[in-house]
Amino acid sequence: MPLFRQVSAVHILGNVGIASLCYVIHTAPMYKSIIIFVLFLGSSLITAQNIPELSANKQALIKQAKTWVAEQTKLARDQVEISATDRRLRIPTCDSTFDISFSYASSQESIRVSCPDTDWQVFLGVKLIKNTVGFAFKTDMPAGQLLSPDDVEPIQLKSSIRGVIREPNALKEMSLSKPVLAGDLVLQQYLTKTIVVFQLDKDILAGEFIDLENITNVRKPLSSTSAAQRLPARLLSQSAAAKNLRAGSILSRDDIRVKNIIMVSKEIIGRGQKLSSVNAALTPFYGPLPSDALFENAGISQMETIRTIAPGQPIRTSDLRPAALVRQDDTVMLSINKGSLQITVPMIALDKGQLGEQIALRNPDSGEQVQAVVTGPRKAEIR
């Protein structure tokens, strides 16, 4: 109080007596120190009021609860936190040890604490800090680096981290999607899948067969390869180069001509001509494969072409139609059934017809015409 009175006197009385300006200036450093000390003391008192002081009873309860929960969860005591620091929580004196149990059998997030000597009880929150295993990168690595379990080392984590890799085998067939530094956690977001592609070890000219001994399997990040480069190894077996290929290039589907065994014309097949082993055969074919190419020769003798096919061309189902079993002016054996008796008479076809079609026939002796149904090559019957 005298201090504040003196300061007021300076403003009111001016340079008079003890409150003179000269005296105030002379004692200013001392006043400054006193003010700083008062402010510091007030700040300390405010801070001390915000920190709850744990009573002996509360400390004993927390200690016993930590020990009990640690034993139940197989964790260390420093991995257990008990929510009992609220200063409004009053812990009474209990002559015996507290009874402790989990609030719910299916949860370890809270406990029930009671004093067996009284009816007092309280429910407290529990936080378990479980050490989990993670991995960290041993060295700095660039984006695109292929990974192996040897590139990382295990570390203990105090809390669960989303996306952390917990098994080193998860790194197999993976590469880095971004650069990392030594000590960085191995997270799923840093990893990208890889795939095996095929790299040529020597130059190959267009049309030459691709020898598997001249190919190296290379693993690359999936994002750095094209869909055409992701091809199965079986396609390379006995394939031919579609164009000149340089050593070191990654093979794609456009670079190769895959071997297929299909029906190919052996000579010019004119329009309307029937297929046979004379003009068509199953042959290895390298090149773009028609979607409707023939892969077997069964039934080709019953087919005829609807356009002219050049030698060496794939034969397609769209090039064919069922061949006429009877052609105009063919001699057709007509079967006539009368009860158990069957008579066969040679007739002249006036039309051409396929299996099941009706055609006109003429008797070469009498000139009589009849309608009959085609039943096979140069065969018909009256129904």
Protein backbone atom coordinates (compact mmCIF):
# COMPACT_ATOMS: atom_id res chain seq x y z
CA MET A 1 0.00 0.00 0.00
CA PRO A 2 2.75 2.57 0.73
CA LEU A 3 4.19 1.84 -2.69
CA PHE A 4 0.96 2.74 -4.48
CA ARG A 5 0.52 5.84 -2.25
CA GLN A 6 4.00 7.08 -3.17
CA VAL A 7 3.36 6.64 -6.86
CA SER A 8 0.14 8.66 -6.55
CA ALA A 9 2.02 11.38 -4.71
CA VAL A 10 4.42 11.81 -7.61
CA HIS A 11 1.55 12.76 -9.91
CA ILE A 12 -0.25 14.95 -7.38
CA LEU A 13 2.51 16.80 -5.44
CA GLY A 14 5.23 16.99 -8.05
CA ASN A 15 8.82 17.29 -6.74
CA VAL A 16 7.91 17.50 -3.05
CA GLY A 17 9.65 15.60 -0.23
CA ILE A 18 9.89 11.87 -0.45
CA ALA A 19 7.66 11.77 -3.47
CA SER A 20 9.97 14.03 -5.50
CA LEU A 21 10.61 13.04 -9.13
CA CYS A 22 14.32 12.79 -8.49
CA TYR A 23 13.76 10.26 -5.75
CA VAL A 24 11.34 8.26 -7.91
CA ILE A 25 13.82 8.11 -10.78
CA HIS A 26 16.52 7.07 -8.38
CA THR A 27 14.44 4.18 -6.97
CA ALA A 28 12.84 3.11 -10.30
CA PRO A 29 15.01 -0.04 -10.78
CA MET A 30 14.01 -1.31 -7.34
CA TYR A 31 10.31 -0.76 -8.08
CA LYS A 32 10.64 -2.57 -11.42
CA SER A 33 12.15 -5.62 -9.71
CA ILE A 34 9.38 -5.61 -7.09
CA ILE A 35 6.65 -5.45 -9.77
CA ILE A 36 8.19 -8.33 -11.79
CA PHE A 37 8.42 -10.44 -8.63
CA VAL A 38 4.76 -9.74 -7.76
CA LEU A 39 3.62 -10.65 -11.29
CA PHE A 40 5.69 -13.87 -11.26
CA LEU A 41 4.31 -14.82 -7.85
CA GLY A 42 0.73 -14.25 -9.05
CA SER A 43 1.33 -16.31 -12.20
CA SER A 44 2.75 -19.16 -10.12
CA LEU A 45 -0.27 -19.10 -7.82
CA ILE A 46 -2.65 -19.24 -10.79
CA THR A 47 -0.72 -22.15 -12.37
CA ALA A 48 -0.63 -24.02 -9.09
CA GLN A 49 -4.39 -23.66 -8.78
CA ASN A 50 -4.86 -25.34 -12.23
CA ILE A 51 -2.81 -28.44 -11.27
CA PRO A 52 -4.86 -30.75 -9.09
CA GLU A 53 -2.97 -31.97 -6.09
CA LEU A 54 -3.46 -35.71 -5.65
CA SER A 55 -4.38 -36.79 -2.17
CA ALA A 56 -2.71 -39.75 -0.52
CA ASN A 57 -5.91 -41.79 -0.91
CA LYS A 58 -6.14 -40.97 -4.60
CA GLN A 59 -2.48 -41.83 -5.20
CA ALA A 60 -2.96 -45.16 -3.46
CA LEU A 61 -6.03 -45.96 -5.56
CA ILE A 62 -4.29 -45.08 -8.84
CA LYS A 63 -1.25 -47.17 -7.91
CA GLN A 64 -3.36 -50.18 -7.01
CA ALA A 65 -5.57 -49.79 -10.10
CA LYS A 66 -2.54 -49.55 -12.45
CA THR A 67 -1.02 -52.67 -10.93
CA TRP A 68 -4.29 -54.61 -11.25
CA VAL A 69 -4.98 -53.59 -14.85
CA ALA A 70 -1.36 -54.28 -15.87
CA GLU A 71 -1.62 -57.81 -14.48
CA GLN A 72 -4.93 -58.43 -16.27
CA THR A 73 -3.72 -57.10 -19.63
CA LYS A 74 -0.13 -58.43 -19.44
CA LEU A 75 1.22 -54.90 -19.87
CA ALA A 76 3.73 -52.85 -17.89
CA ARG A 77 2.38 -50.36 -15.33
CA ASP A 78 3.64 -47.39 -17.36
CA GLN A 79 1.44 -48.58 -20.24
CA VAL A 80 -1.69 -48.11 -18.12
CA GLU A 81 -3.36 -44.74 -17.50
CA ILE A 82 -6.17 -44.33 -14.94
CA SER A 83 -8.52 -41.33 -15.31
CA ALA A 84 -8.67 -40.27 -11.63
CA THR A 85 -6.95 -36.86 -11.63
CA ASP A 86 -10.18 -34.79 -11.60
CA ARG A 87 -9.98 -32.73 -8.38
CA ARG A 88 -13.74 -33.08 -7.90
CA LEU A 89 -13.22 -36.83 -7.37
CA ARG A 90 -12.85 -37.47 -3.64
CA ILE A 91 -11.38 -40.78 -2.55
CA PRO A 92 -12.33 -41.80 0.97
CA THR A 93 -10.05 -43.70 3.32
CA CYS A 94 -10.40 -47.46 2.89
CA ASP A 95 -8.86 -49.61 5.64
CA SER A 96 -8.49 -52.58 3.30
CA THR A 97 -7.40 -52.73 -0.36
CA PHE A 98 -9.89 -51.65 -3.00
CA ASP A 99 -11.87 -54.23 -4.97
CA ILE A 100 -11.26 -53.70 -8.72
CA SER A 101 -12.93 -55.24 -11.76
CA PHE A 102 -13.58 -54.26 -15.35
CA SER A 103 -16.90 -52.52 -15.75
CA TYR A 104 -17.83 -54.82 -18.65
CA ALA A 105 -16.53 -58.29 -19.40
CA SER A 106 -16.13 -57.43 -23.10
CA SER A 107 -14.23 -54.15 -22.58
CA GLN A 108 -11.03 -52.95 -20.89
CA GLU A 109 -11.82 -49.25 -21.23
CA SER A 110 -13.15 -48.72 -17.69
CA ILE A 111 -12.95 -50.28 -14.20
CA ARG A 112 -15.19 -50.43 -11.17
CA VAL A 113 -13.40 -49.62 -7.90
CA SER A 114 -15.11 -50.21 -4.53
CA CYS A 115 -14.16 -50.29 -0.88
CA PRO A 116 -15.20 -53.60 0.72
CA ASP A 117 -15.53 -51.89 4.15
CA THR A 118 -18.17 -49.39 2.92
CA ASP A 119 -20.71 -49.02 0.15
CA TRP A 120 -18.49 -46.51 -1.69
CA GLN A 121 -17.64 -47.23 -5.36
CA VAL A 122 -16.57 -45.35 -8.44
CA PHE A 123 -16.15 -46.06 -12.17
CA LEU A 124 -12.87 -44.87 -13.74
CA GLY A 125 -11.70 -44.72 -17.34
CA VAL A 126 -8.71 -46.80 -18.46
CA LYS A 127 -6.33 -46.11 -21.33
CA LEU A 128 -3.99 -48.88 -22.46
CA ILE A 129 -0.85 -47.88 -24.32
CA LYS A 130 -0.02 -51.06 -26.19
CA ASN A 131 3.36 -51.25 -27.83
CA THR A 132 2.95 -52.37 -31.43
CA VAL A 133 5.59 -53.52 -33.87
CA GLY A 134 6.23 -51.45 -36.95
CA PHE A 135 9.07 -51.01 -39.40
CA ALA A 136 11.30 -48.13 -40.44
CA PHE A 137 13.43 -47.69 -43.55
CA LYS A 138 17.14 -48.28 -42.97
CA THR A 139 18.38 -45.84 -45.62
CA ASP A 140 17.19 -43.05 -47.90
CA MET A 141 15.57 -44.46 -51.03
CA PRO A 142 14.12 -42.85 -54.21
CA ALA A 143 10.67 -43.34 -55.68
CA GLY A 144 10.42 -46.50 -57.78
CA GLN A 145 12.97 -48.40 -55.65
CA LEU A 146 12.16 -52.11 -55.48
CA LEU A 147 11.79 -53.23 -51.87
CA SER A 148 12.76 -56.30 -49.88
CA PRO A 149 12.46 -57.23 -46.18
CA ASP A 150 16.18 -56.36 -45.81
CA ASP A 151 15.43 -52.67 -46.50
CA VAL A 152 13.61 -52.16 -43.19
CA GLU A 153 14.12 -52.77 -39.48
CA PRO A 154 11.56 -53.37 -36.72
CA ILE A 155 10.68 -50.66 -34.20
CA GLN A 156 8.34 -50.43 -31.22
CA LEU A 157 5.40 -48.05 -31.52
CA LYS A 158 3.69 -46.60 -28.46
CA SER A 159 0.37 -46.22 -30.23
CA SER A 160 -1.49 -47.66 -33.17
CA ILE A 161 -0.80 -45.86 -36.45
CA ARG A 162 -3.13 -46.21 -39.40
CA GLY A 163 -1.60 -47.89 -42.45
CA VAL A 164 1.61 -49.03 -40.74
CA ILE A 165 3.19 -52.19 -42.18
CA ARG A 166 3.53 -54.90 -39.52
CA GLU A 167 4.93 -57.78 -41.60
CA PRO A 168 8.17 -57.54 -43.61
CA ASN A 169 6.79 -60.05 -46.13
CA ALA A 170 4.28 -57.37 -47.16
CA LEU A 171 7.17 -55.65 -48.96
CA LYS A 172 7.66 -58.49 -51.43
CA GLU A 173 6.86 -57.51 -55.00
CA MET A 174 6.46 -53.88 -53.89
CA SER A 175 8.24 -50.65 -54.81
CA LEU A 176 8.22 -47.10 -53.43
CA SER A 177 5.59 -44.68 -54.70
CA LYS A 178 7.54 -41.71 -53.24
CA PRO A 179 11.04 -41.06 -51.88
CA VAL A 180 11.69 -41.88 -48.21
CA LEU A 181 14.34 -41.04 -45.63
CA ALA A 182 16.13 -43.35 -43.23
CA GLY A 183 13.99 -43.76 -40.13
CA ASP A 184 10.67 -43.05 -41.86
CA LEU A 185 7.87 -45.39 -40.87
CA VAL A 186 6.93 -47.98 -43.49
CA LEU A 187 3.34 -47.06 -44.36
CA GLN A 188 1.01 -48.61 -46.91
CA GLN A 189 0.69 -45.26 -48.70
CA TYR A 190 4.40 -45.40 -49.61
CA LEU A 191 4.07 -48.74 -51.43
CA THR A 192 2.94 -49.66 -54.92
CA LYS A 193 2.65 -53.04 -56.61
CA THR A 194 5.17 -54.31 -59.14
CA ILE A 195 4.89 -56.67 -62.09
CA VAL A 196 7.30 -58.81 -64.14
CA VAL A 197 7.96 -57.62 -67.69
CA PHE A 198 10.23 -59.08 -70.35
CA GLN A 199 13.35 -57.28 -71.57
CA LEU A 200 15.27 -58.23 -74.71
CA ASP A 201 18.97 -59.03 -74.32
CA LYS A 202 19.75 -58.77 -78.06
CA ASP A 203 18.45 -57.22 -81.27
CA ILE A 204 15.76 -59.21 -83.13
CA LEU A 205 14.71 -58.61 -86.73
CA ALA A 206 11.09 -58.61 -87.87
CA GLY A 207 9.86 -62.16 -88.51
CA GLU A 208 12.57 -63.85 -86.42
CA PHE A 209 11.49 -66.22 -83.68
CA ILE A 210 11.90 -64.96 -80.14
CA ASP A 211 14.18 -67.21 -78.10
CA LEU A 212 13.32 -67.28 -74.40
CA GLU A 213 17.05 -67.54 -73.61
CA ASN A 214 17.45 -64.01 -74.95
CA ILE A 215 14.86 -62.54 -72.58
CA THR A 216 15.36 -61.32 -68.99
CA ASN A 217 12.51 -61.09 -66.50
CA VAL A 218 12.51 -57.60 -64.96
CA ARG A 219 10.30 -56.43 -62.10
CA LYS A 220 9.01 -52.87 -62.43
CA PRO A 221 6.44 -50.69 -60.62
CA LEU A 222 2.98 -51.37 -62.00
CA SER A 223 2.44 -47.65 -62.60
CA SER A 224 5.49 -47.43 -64.88
CA THR A 225 4.32 -50.19 -67.26
CA SER A 226 1.65 -50.18 -69.95
CA ALA A 227 -1.19 -52.68 -70.25
CA ALA A 228 0.41 -54.04 -73.46
CA GLN A 229 3.63 -54.86 -71.56
CA ARG A 230 1.78 -56.95 -68.96
CA LEU A 231 1.66 -60.19 -70.90
CA PRO A 232 2.00 -63.83 -69.78
CA ALA A 233 5.24 -65.65 -70.50
CA ARG A 234 3.41 -68.38 -72.42
CA LEU A 235 2.69 -65.90 -75.25
CA LEU A 236 6.42 -65.59 -75.93
CA SER A 237 6.92 -69.28 -76.53
CA GLN A 238 7.57 -69.72 -80.29
CA SER A 239 6.43 -66.17 -81.03
CA ALA A 240 7.90 -64.11 -83.84
CA ALA A 241 8.91 -60.45 -83.87
CA ALA A 242 6.33 -58.18 -85.51
CA LYS A 243 9.02 -55.55 -86.24
CA ASN A 244 12.71 -54.89 -85.66
CA LEU A 245 13.33 -54.88 -81.90
CA ARG A 246 16.37 -53.45 -80.08
CA ALA A 247 18.18 -54.96 -77.12
CA GLY A 248 17.06 -53.49 -73.80
CA SER A 249 13.49 -52.83 -74.93
CA ILE A 250 10.53 -54.12 -72.91
CA LEU A 251 8.34 -56.43 -75.00
CA SER A 252 4.68 -55.57 -75.53
CA ARG A 253 1.86 -57.32 -77.34
CA ASP A 254 2.37 -55.08 -80.37
CA ASP A 255 5.98 -56.30 -80.71
CA ILE A 256 5.16 -59.98 -81.18
CA ARG A 257 3.19 -62.27 -83.42
CA VAL A 258 1.85 -65.16 -81.38
CA LYS A 259 1.84 -68.67 -82.82
CA ASN A 260 -1.63 -70.13 -83.35
CA ILE A 261 -2.66 -73.34 -85.11
CA ILE A 262 -5.59 -72.39 -87.37
CA MET A 263 -7.16 -73.40 -90.67
CA VAL A 264 -5.30 -71.69 -93.52
CA SER A 265 -5.85 -71.85 -97.28
CA LYS A 266 -3.21 -73.84 -99.17
CA GLU A 267 -4.18 -72.43 -102.59
CA ILE A 268 -6.66 -70.04 -104.14
CA ILE A 269 -10.16 -71.10 -103.12
CA GLY A 270 -12.77 -69.67 -105.46
CA ARG A 271 -16.16 -68.39 -104.40
CA GLY A 272 -18.62 -71.25 -103.96
CA GLN A 273 -15.87 -73.88 -103.80
CA LYS A 274 -16.11 -76.56 -101.12
CA LEU A 275 -13.35 -76.90 -98.56
CA SER A 276 -11.25 -80.05 -98.45
CA SER A 277 -7.87 -81.31 -97.32
CA VAL A 278 -6.61 -80.38 -100.77
CA ASN A 279 -7.17 -76.63 -100.49
CA ALA A 280 -7.08 -76.03 -96.68
CA ALA A 281 -5.15 -77.34 -93.66
CA LEU A 282 -4.38 -76.62 -89.99
CA THR A 283 -1.14 -74.62 -90.04
CA PRO A 284 0.94 -72.49 -87.59
CA PHE A 285 0.01 -68.87 -88.13
CA TYR A 286 1.79 -65.72 -86.90
CA GLY A 287 -0.03 -62.47 -87.10
CA PRO A 288 -3.24 -60.70 -86.10
CA LEU A 289 -5.72 -63.46 -85.39
CA PRO A 290 -9.31 -63.04 -86.65
CA SER A 291 -11.87 -63.46 -83.90
CA ASP A 292 -13.74 -66.09 -85.94
CA ALA A 293 -10.75 -68.10 -87.15
CA LEU A 294 -11.20 -71.88 -87.51
CA PHE A 295 -9.13 -73.96 -85.05
CA GLU A 296 -10.25 -77.41 -86.29
CA ASN A 297 -10.94 -79.13 -89.58
CA ALA A 298 -14.00 -81.11 -88.49
CA GLY A 299 -16.91 -80.62 -90.91
CA ILE A 300 -15.05 -78.49 -93.45
CA SER A 301 -16.09 -80.82 -96.26
CA GLN A 302 -19.67 -79.67 -95.73
CA MET A 303 -18.76 -75.99 -96.16
CA GLU A 304 -18.21 -73.76 -99.17
CA THR A 305 -16.75 -70.27 -99.47
CA ILE A 306 -18.74 -67.12 -100.12
CA ARG A 307 -15.71 -65.21 -101.40
CA THR A 308 -12.35 -65.95 -103.00
CA ILE A 309 -9.61 -66.71 -100.45
CA ALA A 310 -5.95 -66.13 -101.32
CA PRO A 311 -3.24 -68.69 -100.41
CA GLY A 312 -1.92 -68.48 -96.83
CA GLN A 313 -4.96 -66.62 -95.49
CA PRO A 314 -6.78 -67.63 -92.31
CA ILE A 315 -10.15 -69.20 -93.06
CA ARG A 316 -12.92 -67.55 -91.08
CA THR A 317 -16.37 -68.79 -90.29
CA SER A 318 -17.72 -65.58 -91.82
CA ASP A 319 -16.14 -66.68 -95.14
CA LEU A 320 -18.15 -69.90 -95.21
CA ARG A 321 -21.65 -71.24 -95.53
CA PRO A 322 -23.03 -74.78 -95.56
CA ALA A 323 -22.25 -76.34 -98.94
CA ALA A 324 -25.10 -77.44 -101.21
CA LEU A 325 -25.39 -81.23 -100.98
CA VAL A 326 -27.12 -81.29 -104.29
CA ARG A 327 -26.26 -79.09 -107.27
CA GLN A 328 -28.18 -78.43 -110.45
CA ASP A 329 -27.82 -81.26 -113.01
CA ASP A 330 -26.40 -83.63 -110.35
CA THR A 331 -27.62 -87.20 -110.51
CA VAL A 332 -29.54 -87.69 -107.28
CA MET A 333 -30.56 -91.04 -105.80
CA LEU A 334 -34.24 -90.61 -104.84
CA SER A 335 -35.54 -92.99 -102.16
CA ILE A 336 -39.23 -93.92 -102.25
CA ASN A 337 -40.64 -95.81 -99.28
CA LYS A 338 -43.77 -97.94 -99.69
CA GLY A 339 -44.45 -99.77 -96.49
CA SER A 340 -41.48 -102.02 -95.80
CA LEU A 341 -40.35 -101.69 -99.38
CA GLN A 342 -37.81 -99.02 -100.40
CA ILE A 343 -37.17 -98.17 -104.02
CA THR A 344 -34.19 -96.05 -105.17
CA VAL A 345 -34.47 -94.24 -108.50
CA PRO A 346 -31.80 -92.07 -110.18
CA MET A 347 -33.09 -88.54 -110.87
CA ILE A 348 -31.69 -85.32 -112.32
CA ALA A 349 -31.57 -82.29 -109.98
CA LEU A 350 -33.27 -79.21 -111.40
CA ASP A 351 -32.18 -77.07 -108.38
CA LYS A 352 -29.39 -76.98 -105.89
CA GLY A 353 -30.19 -77.63 -102.26
CA GLN A 354 -28.75 -78.01 -98.78
CA LEU A 355 -29.61 -80.55 -96.12
CA GLY A 356 -33.37 -80.51 -95.43
CA GLU A 357 -34.24 -78.24 -98.33
CA GLN A 358 -36.85 -79.21 -100.90
CA ILE A 359 -35.75 -79.38 -104.55
CA ALA A 360 -37.22 -80.40 -107.90
CA LEU A 361 -36.07 -83.64 -109.53
CA ARG A 362 -36.73 -85.01 -113.05
CA ASN A 363 -36.91 -88.62 -114.17
CA PRO A 364 -34.42 -88.87 -117.07
CA ASP A 365 -36.49 -91.65 -118.75
CA SER A 366 -40.06 -90.40 -118.43
CA GLY A 367 -39.41 -86.69 -117.91
CA GLU A 368 -41.70 -86.74 -114.86
CA GLN A 369 -40.89 -84.12 -112.19
CA VAL A 370 -41.25 -84.60 -108.42
CA GLN A 371 -40.50 -82.60 -105.25
CA ALA A 372 -38.08 -84.22 -102.79
CA VAL A 373 -36.13 -83.28 -99.64
CA VAL A 374 -32.31 -83.35 -99.61
CA THR A 375 -31.08 -85.95 -97.09
CA GLY A 376 -27.36 -86.06 -97.92
CA PRO A 377 -24.79 -85.55 -100.66
CA ARG A 378 -26.72 -86.26 -103.90
CA LYS A 379 -29.45 -87.98 -101.96
CA ALA A 380 -33.12 -87.12 -101.54
CA GLU A 381 -36.43 -88.73 -100.55
CA ILE A 382 -40.10 -88.07 -100.95
CA ARG A 383 -41.85 -87.29 -97.65
